[in-house]
Amino acid sequence: MKETDLNQTLHLVMGGRVKDPRTMEFQDPESIHVVGVFSDYDNAVEAWRGNAQRTVDDAEMKYVIVPLHKLLTPGA
């Protein structure tokens, strides 16, 4: 099988309640809200911003953007 380059970027937007607002340790990983996977950063930011602003008054709710393409191709 021929090895190919992965040029596609993928961004996962997810969030949930954290144990401490200063950390990224989620209280209940099984209940993490997966907003979606986006092929470009701008759309991921838009989705992240909408969810983060909706929960801005709750310090224990945190939404993040995870660059999946960097996890899929660690040497890139």
PDB file of N, CA and C in Angstrom:
ATOM      1  N   MET A   1       0.843  -1.170   0.000  1.00  0.00           N
ATOM      2  CA  MET A   1       0.000   0.000   0.000  1.00  0.00           C
ATOM      3  C   MET A   1       0.893   1.240   0.000  1.00  0.00           C
ATOM      4  N   LYS A   2       0.583   2.170  -0.858  1.00  0.00           N
ATOM      5  CA  LYS A   2       1.369   3.389  -0.993  1.00  0.00           C
ATOM      6  C   LYS A   2       1.065   4.351   0.160  1.00  0.00           C
ATOM      7  N   GLU A   3       2.129   4.895   0.736  1.00  0.00           N
ATOM      8  CA  GLU A   3       1.959   5.873   1.808  1.00  0.00           C
ATOM      9  C   GLU A   3       1.640   7.230   1.188  1.00  0.00           C
ATOM     10  N   THR A   4       0.643   7.918   1.741  1.00  0.00           N
ATOM     11  CA  THR A   4       0.259   9.225   1.209  1.00  0.00           C
ATOM     12  C   THR A   4       0.368  10.284   2.292  1.00  0.00           C
ATOM     13  N   ASP A   5       0.495  11.519   1.854  1.00  0.00           N
ATOM     14  CA  ASP A   5       0.537  12.642   2.785  1.00  0.00           C
ATOM     15  C   ASP A   5      -0.878  13.028   3.169  1.00  0.00           C
ATOM     16  N   LEU A   6      -1.078  13.355   4.433  1.00  0.00           N
ATOM     17  CA  LEU A   6      -2.367  13.819   4.904  1.00  0.00           C
ATOM     18  C   LEU A   6      -2.321  15.338   4.936  1.00  0.00           C
ATOM     19  N   ASN A   7      -2.958  15.975   3.963  1.00  0.00           N
ATOM     20  CA  ASN A   7      -2.966  17.431   3.891  1.00  0.00           C
ATOM     21  C   ASN A   7      -4.228  18.025   4.481  1.00  0.00           C
ATOM     22  N   GLN A   8      -5.172  17.185   4.824  1.00  0.00           N
ATOM     23  CA  GLN A   8      -6.438  17.662   5.361  1.00  0.00           C
ATOM     24  C   GLN A   8      -6.276  18.080   6.819  1.00  0.00           C
ATOM     25  N   THR A   9      -6.847  19.219   7.154  1.00  0.00           N
ATOM     26  CA  THR A   9      -6.849  19.640   8.553  1.00  0.00           C
ATOM     27  C   THR A   9      -8.205  19.309   9.155  1.00  0.00           C
ATOM     28  N   LEU A  10      -8.183  18.827  10.373  1.00  0.00           N
ATOM     29  CA  LEU A  10      -9.405  18.485  11.097  1.00  0.00           C
ATOM     30  C   LEU A  10      -9.322  19.079  12.499  1.00  0.00           C
ATOM     31  N   HIS A  11     -10.399  19.729  12.916  1.00  0.00           N
ATOM     32  CA  HIS A  11     -10.453  20.373  14.229  1.00  0.00           C
ATOM     33  C   HIS A  11     -11.684  19.880  14.967  1.00  0.00           C
ATOM     34  N   LEU A  12     -11.478  19.318  16.146  1.00  0.00           N
ATOM     35  CA  LEU A  12     -12.564  18.843  16.999  1.00  0.00           C
ATOM     36  C   LEU A  12     -12.912  19.935  18.003  1.00  0.00           C
ATOM     37  N   VAL A  13     -14.198  20.277  18.086  1.00  0.00           N
ATOM     38  CA  VAL A  13     -14.669  21.227  19.095  1.00  0.00           C
ATOM     39  C   VAL A  13     -15.461  20.433  20.118  1.00  0.00           C
ATOM     40  N   MET A  14     -15.062  20.559  21.388  1.00  0.00           N
ATOM     41  CA  MET A  14     -15.726  19.807  22.454  1.00  0.00           C
ATOM     42  C   MET A  14     -15.680  20.614  23.740  1.00  0.00           C
ATOM     43  N   GLY A  15     -16.515  20.219  24.683  1.00  0.00           N
ATOM     44  CA  GLY A  15     -16.519  20.934  25.950  1.00  0.00           C
ATOM     45  C   GLY A  15     -17.250  20.165  27.022  1.00  0.00           C
ATOM     46  N   GLY A  16     -17.103  20.638  28.232  1.00  0.00           N
ATOM     47  CA  GLY A  16     -17.769  20.014  29.359  1.00  0.00           C
ATOM     48  C   GLY A  16     -17.368  20.671  30.660  1.00  0.00           C
ATOM     49  N   ARG A  17     -17.853  20.106  31.726  1.00  0.00           N
ATOM     50  CA  ARG A  17     -17.593  20.632  33.062  1.00  0.00           C
ATOM     51  C   ARG A  17     -16.223  20.133  33.533  1.00  0.00           C
ATOM     52  N   VAL A  18     -15.380  21.073  33.977  1.00  0.00           N
ATOM     53  CA  VAL A  18     -14.044  20.730  34.466  1.00  0.00           C
ATOM     54  C   VAL A  18     -14.018  20.755  35.993  1.00  0.00           C
ATOM     55  N   LYS A  19     -13.075  20.010  36.572  1.00  0.00           N
ATOM     56  CA  LYS A  19     -12.947  19.951  38.033  1.00  0.00           C
ATOM     57  C   LYS A  19     -12.466  21.280  38.600  1.00  0.00           C
ATOM     58  N   ASP A  20     -11.569  21.923  37.880  1.00  0.00           N
ATOM     59  CA  ASP A  20     -11.004  23.202  38.311  1.00  0.00           C
ATOM     60  C   ASP A  20     -10.884  24.071  37.056  1.00  0.00           C
ATOM     61  N   PRO A  21     -11.429  25.286  37.057  1.00  0.00           N
ATOM     62  CA  PRO A  21     -11.387  26.146  35.865  1.00  0.00           C
ATOM     63  C   PRO A  21      -9.978  26.449  35.357  1.00  0.00           C
ATOM     64  N   ARG A  22      -8.964  26.227  36.190  1.00  0.00           N
ATOM     65  CA  ARG A  22      -7.581  26.485  35.763  1.00  0.00           C
ATOM     66  C   ARG A  22      -6.964  25.296  35.043  1.00  0.00           C
ATOM     67  N   THR A  23      -7.697  24.176  34.966  1.00  0.00           N
ATOM     68  CA  THR A  23      -7.152  22.963  34.343  1.00  0.00           C
ATOM     69  C   THR A  23      -8.058  22.482  33.215  1.00  0.00           C
ATOM     70  N   MET A  24      -7.631  21.422  32.573  1.00  0.00           N
ATOM     71  CA  MET A  24      -8.423  20.793  31.509  1.00  0.00           C
ATOM     72  C   MET A  24      -8.907  19.415  31.935  1.00  0.00           C
ATOM     73  N   GLU A  25      -8.973  19.150  33.233  1.00  0.00           N
ATOM     74  CA  GLU A  25      -9.435  17.844  33.718  1.00  0.00           C
ATOM     75  C   GLU A  25     -10.959  17.870  33.828  1.00  0.00           C
ATOM     76  N   PHE A  26     -11.610  17.087  32.967  1.00  0.00           N
ATOM     77  CA  PHE A  26     -13.072  17.065  32.937  1.00  0.00           C
ATOM     78  C   PHE A  26     -13.619  16.223  34.081  1.00  0.00           C
ATOM     79  N   GLN A  27     -14.711  16.695  34.694  1.00  0.00           N
ATOM     80  CA  GLN A  27     -15.340  15.978  35.802  1.00  0.00           C
ATOM     81  C   GLN A  27     -15.865  14.619  35.358  1.00  0.00           C
ATOM     82  N   ASP A  28     -16.524  14.583  34.212  1.00  0.00           N
ATOM     83  CA  ASP A  28     -17.148  13.358  33.721  1.00  0.00           C
ATOM     84  C   ASP A  28     -16.870  13.227  32.221  1.00  0.00           C
ATOM     85  N   PRO A  29     -15.740  12.628  31.850  1.00  0.00           N
ATOM     86  CA  PRO A  29     -15.377  12.539  30.435  1.00  0.00           C
ATOM     87  C   PRO A  29     -16.447  11.900  29.547  1.00  0.00           C
ATOM     88  N   GLU A  30     -17.244  11.004  30.114  1.00  0.00           N
ATOM     89  CA  GLU A  30     -18.283  10.354  29.315  1.00  0.00           C
ATOM     90  C   GLU A  30     -19.392  11.324  28.909  1.00  0.00           C
ATOM     91  N   SER A  31     -19.507  12.454  29.603  1.00  0.00           N
ATOM     92  CA  SER A  31     -20.570  13.404  29.276  1.00  0.00           C
ATOM     93  C   SER A  31     -20.055  14.621  28.506  1.00  0.00           C
ATOM     94  N   ILE A  32     -18.844  14.530  27.959  1.00  0.00           N
ATOM     95  CA  ILE A  32     -18.297  15.638  27.171  1.00  0.00           C
ATOM     96  C   ILE A  32     -19.207  15.898  25.976  1.00  0.00           C
ATOM     97  N   HIS A  33     -19.484  17.180  25.752  1.00  0.00           N
ATOM     98  CA  HIS A  33     -20.309  17.599  24.617  1.00  0.00           C
ATOM     99  C   HIS A  33     -19.408  17.744  23.391  1.00  0.00           C
ATOM    100  N   VAL A  34     -19.606  16.869  22.416  1.00  0.00           N
ATOM    101  CA  VAL A  34     -18.854  16.953  21.165  1.00  0.00           C
ATOM    102  C   VAL A  34     -19.669  17.817  20.214  1.00  0.00           C
ATOM    103  N   VAL A  35     -19.173  19.017  19.947  1.00  0.00           N
ATOM    104  CA  VAL A  35     -19.866  19.948  19.062  1.00  0.00           C
ATOM    105  C   VAL A  35     -19.750  19.465  17.627  1.00  0.00           C
ATOM    106  N   GLY A  36     -18.540  19.041  17.231  1.00  0.00           N
ATOM    107  CA  GLY A  36     -18.353  18.537  15.880  1.00  0.00           C
ATOM    108  C   GLY A  36     -16.905  18.578  15.442  1.00  0.00           C
ATOM    109  N   VAL A  37     -16.688  18.071  14.235  1.00  0.00           N
ATOM    110  CA  VAL A  37     -15.369  18.079  13.609  1.00  0.00           C
ATOM    111  C   VAL A  37     -15.458  18.995  12.396  1.00  0.00           C
ATOM    112  N   PHE A  38     -14.494  19.886  12.266  1.00  0.00           N
ATOM    113  CA  PHE A  38     -14.515  20.901  11.220  1.00  0.00           C
ATOM    114  C   PHE A  38     -13.236  20.818  10.394  1.00  0.00           C
ATOM    115  N   SER A  39     -13.363  21.055   9.093  1.00  0.00           N
ATOM    116  CA  SER A  39     -12.212  20.921   8.199  1.00  0.00           C
ATOM    117  C   SER A  39     -11.390  22.199   8.102  1.00  0.00           C
ATOM    118  N   ASP A  40     -11.893  23.294   8.666  1.00  0.00           N
ATOM    119  CA  ASP A  40     -11.074  24.505   8.685  1.00  0.00           C
ATOM    120  C   ASP A  40     -11.190  25.197  10.040  1.00  0.00           C
ATOM    121  N   TYR A  41     -10.145  25.885  10.388  1.00  0.00           N
ATOM    122  CA  TYR A  41     -10.035  26.492  11.713  1.00  0.00           C
ATOM    123  C   TYR A  41     -11.093  27.571  11.947  1.00  0.00           C
ATOM    124  N   ASP A  42     -11.399  28.362  10.936  1.00  0.00           N
ATOM    125  CA  ASP A  42     -12.367  29.448  11.111  1.00  0.00           C
ATOM    126  C   ASP A  42     -13.740  28.931  11.522  1.00  0.00           C
ATOM    127  N   ASN A  43     -14.199  27.861  10.904  1.00  0.00           N
ATOM    128  CA  ASN A  43     -15.492  27.282  11.284  1.00  0.00           C
ATOM    129  C   ASN A  43     -15.428  26.656  12.670  1.00  0.00           C
ATOM    130  N   ALA A  44     -14.283  26.080  13.020  1.00  0.00           N
ATOM    131  CA  ALA A  44     -14.116  25.516  14.360  1.00  0.00           C
ATOM    132  C   ALA A  44     -14.181  26.623  15.409  1.00  0.00           C
ATOM    133  N   VAL A  45     -13.541  27.749  15.138  1.00  0.00           N
ATOM    134  CA  VAL A  45     -13.572  28.877  16.070  1.00  0.00           C
ATOM    135  C   VAL A  45     -14.993  29.403  16.226  1.00  0.00           C
ATOM    136  N   GLU A  46     -15.720  29.484  15.135  1.00  0.00           N
ATOM    137  CA  GLU A  46     -17.108  29.950  15.188  1.00  0.00           C
ATOM    138  C   GLU A  46     -17.959  29.027  16.071  1.00  0.00           C
ATOM    139  N   ALA A  47     -17.792  27.726  15.917  1.00  0.00           N
ATOM    140  CA  ALA A  47     -18.535  26.762  16.736  1.00  0.00           C
ATOM    141  C   ALA A  47     -18.095  26.838  18.194  1.00  0.00           C
ATOM    142  N   TRP A  48     -16.792  26.948  18.419  1.00  0.00           N
ATOM    143  CA  TRP A  48     -16.270  27.067  19.781  1.00  0.00           C
ATOM    144  C   TRP A  48     -16.803  28.329  20.452  1.00  0.00           C
ATOM    145  N   ARG A  49     -16.735  29.459  19.742  1.00  0.00           N
ATOM    146  CA  ARG A  49     -17.160  30.738  20.310  1.00  0.00           C
ATOM    147  C   ARG A  49     -18.637  30.705  20.696  1.00  0.00           C
ATOM    148  N   GLY A  50     -19.475  30.147  19.837  1.00  0.00           N
ATOM    149  CA  GLY A  50     -20.903  30.068  20.131  1.00  0.00           C
ATOM    150  C   GLY A  50     -21.183  29.293  21.400  1.00  0.00           C
ATOM    151  N   ASN A  51     -20.514  28.172  21.576  1.00  0.00           N
ATOM    152  CA  ASN A  51     -20.724  27.351  22.773  1.00  0.00           C
ATOM    153  C   ASN A  51     -20.068  27.969  24.005  1.00  0.00           C
ATOM    154  N   ALA A  52     -18.886  28.519  23.851  1.00  0.00           N
ATOM    155  CA  ALA A  52     -18.192  29.135  24.986  1.00  0.00           C
ATOM    156  C   ALA A  52     -18.957  30.356  25.491  1.00  0.00           C
ATOM    157  N   GLN A  53     -19.490  31.165  24.584  1.00  0.00           N
ATOM    158  CA  GLN A  53     -20.241  32.347  25.001  1.00  0.00           C
ATOM    159  C   GLN A  53     -21.569  31.970  25.642  1.00  0.00           C
ATOM    160  N   ARG A  54     -22.153  30.880  25.196  1.00  0.00           N
ATOM    161  CA  ARG A  54     -23.421  30.418  25.769  1.00  0.00           C
ATOM    162  C   ARG A  54     -23.244  30.000  27.226  1.00  0.00           C
ATOM    163  N   THR A  55     -22.053  29.551  27.592  1.00  0.00           N
ATOM    164  CA  THR A  55     -21.794  29.073  28.956  1.00  0.00           C
ATOM    165  C   THR A  55     -20.832  29.989  29.720  1.00  0.00           C
ATOM    166  N   VAL A  56     -20.701  31.233  29.286  1.00  0.00           N
ATOM    167  CA  VAL A  56     -19.710  32.152  29.855  1.00  0.00           C
ATOM    168  C   VAL A  56     -19.919  32.401  31.354  1.00  0.00           C
ATOM    169  N   ASP A  57     -21.132  32.312  31.830  1.00  0.00           N
ATOM    170  CA  ASP A  57     -21.398  32.566  33.251  1.00  0.00           C
ATOM    171  C   ASP A  57     -21.101  31.367  34.150  1.00  0.00           C
ATOM    172  N   ASP A  58     -20.756  30.245  33.563  1.00  0.00           N
ATOM    173  CA  ASP A  58     -20.455  29.037  34.331  1.00  0.00           C
ATOM    174  C   ASP A  58     -18.952  28.762  34.230  1.00  0.00           C
ATOM    175  N   ALA A  59     -18.218  29.126  35.273  1.00  0.00           N
ATOM    176  CA  ALA A  59     -16.751  29.016  35.243  1.00  0.00           C
ATOM    177  C   ALA A  59     -16.260  27.584  35.090  1.00  0.00           C
ATOM    178  N   GLU A  60     -17.088  26.606  35.432  1.00  0.00           N
ATOM    179  CA  GLU A  60     -16.658  25.209  35.343  1.00  0.00           C
ATOM    180  C   GLU A  60     -16.918  24.587  33.971  1.00  0.00           C
ATOM    181  N   MET A  61     -17.557  25.322  33.070  1.00  0.00           N
ATOM    182  CA  MET A  61     -17.775  24.821  31.709  1.00  0.00           C
ATOM    183  C   MET A  61     -16.670  25.356  30.817  1.00  0.00           C
ATOM    184  N   LYS A  62     -16.047  24.454  30.067  1.00  0.00           N
ATOM    185  CA  LYS A  62     -14.939  24.855  29.206  1.00  0.00           C
ATOM    186  C   LYS A  62     -15.079  24.167  27.856  1.00  0.00           C
ATOM    187  N   TYR A  63     -14.925  24.943  26.782  1.00  0.00           N
ATOM    188  CA  TYR A  63     -14.926  24.415  25.421  1.00  0.00           C
ATOM    189  C   TYR A  63     -13.546  24.630  24.820  1.00  0.00           C
ATOM    190  N   VAL A  64     -13.099  23.674  24.009  1.00  0.00           N
ATOM    191  CA  VAL A  64     -11.761  23.728  23.422  1.00  0.00           C
ATOM    192  C   VAL A  64     -11.802  23.293  21.958  1.00  0.00           C
ATOM    193  N   ILE A  65     -10.750  23.677  21.240  1.00  0.00           N
ATOM    194  CA  ILE A  65     -10.540  23.218  19.864  1.00  0.00           C
ATOM    195  C   ILE A  65      -9.323  22.304  19.887  1.00  0.00           C
ATOM    196  N   VAL A  66      -9.499  21.069  19.428  1.00  0.00           N
ATOM    197  CA  VAL A  66      -8.414  20.087  19.398  1.00  0.00           C
ATOM    198  C   VAL A  66      -7.985  19.894  17.942  1.00  0.00           C
ATOM    199  N   PRO A  67      -6.717  20.149  17.601  1.00  0.00           N
ATOM    200  CA  PRO A  67      -6.240  19.963  16.230  1.00  0.00           C
ATOM    201  C   PRO A  67      -6.007  18.472  15.935  1.00  0.00           C
ATOM    202  N   LEU A  68      -7.043  17.796  15.475  1.00  0.00           N
ATOM    203  CA  LEU A  68      -6.945  16.351  15.230  1.00  0.00           C
ATOM    204  C   LEU A  68      -5.871  16.002  14.213  1.00  0.00           C
ATOM    205  N   HIS A  69      -5.687  16.844  13.204  1.00  0.00           N
ATOM    206  CA  HIS A  69      -4.700  16.538  12.165  1.00  0.00           C
ATOM    207  C   HIS A  69      -3.289  16.433  12.743  1.00  0.00           C
ATOM    208  N   LYS A  70      -3.020  17.150  13.823  1.00  0.00           N
ATOM    209  CA  LYS A  70      -1.697  17.055  14.453  1.00  0.00           C
ATOM    210  C   LYS A  70      -1.540  15.753  15.222  1.00  0.00           C
ATOM    211  N   LEU A  71      -2.641  15.208  15.718  1.00  0.00           N
ATOM    212  CA  LEU A  71      -2.593  13.921  16.412  1.00  0.00           C
ATOM    213  C   LEU A  71      -2.482  12.767  15.419  1.00  0.00           C
ATOM    214  N   LEU A  72      -3.078  12.942  14.237  1.00  0.00           N
ATOM    215  CA  LEU A  72      -3.060  11.886  13.220  1.00  0.00           C
ATOM    216  C   LEU A  72      -1.716  11.797  12.512  1.00  0.00           C
ATOM    217  N   THR A  73      -1.005  12.913  12.417  1.00  0.00           N
ATOM    218  CA  THR A  73       0.319  12.941  11.793  1.00  0.00           C
ATOM    219  C   THR A  73       1.277  13.670  12.732  1.00  0.00           C
ATOM    220  N   PRO A  74       1.735  12.998  13.798  1.00  0.00           N
ATOM    221  CA  PRO A  74       2.545  13.660  14.828  1.00  0.00           C
ATOM    222  C   PRO A  74       3.834  14.296  14.321  1.00  0.00           C
ATOM    223  N   GLY A  75       4.415  13.787  13.264  1.00  0.00           N
ATOM    224  CA  GLY A  75       5.666  14.338  12.759  1.00  0.00           C
ATOM    225  C   GLY A  75       5.481  15.554  11.875  1.00  0.00           C
ATOM    226  N   ALA A  76       4.254  15.878  11.570  1.00  0.00           N
ATOM    227  CA  ALA A  76       3.995  16.990  10.644  1.00  0.00           C
ATOM    228  C   ALA A  76       4.080  18.330  11.328  1.00  0.00           C
TER     229      ALA A  76
END
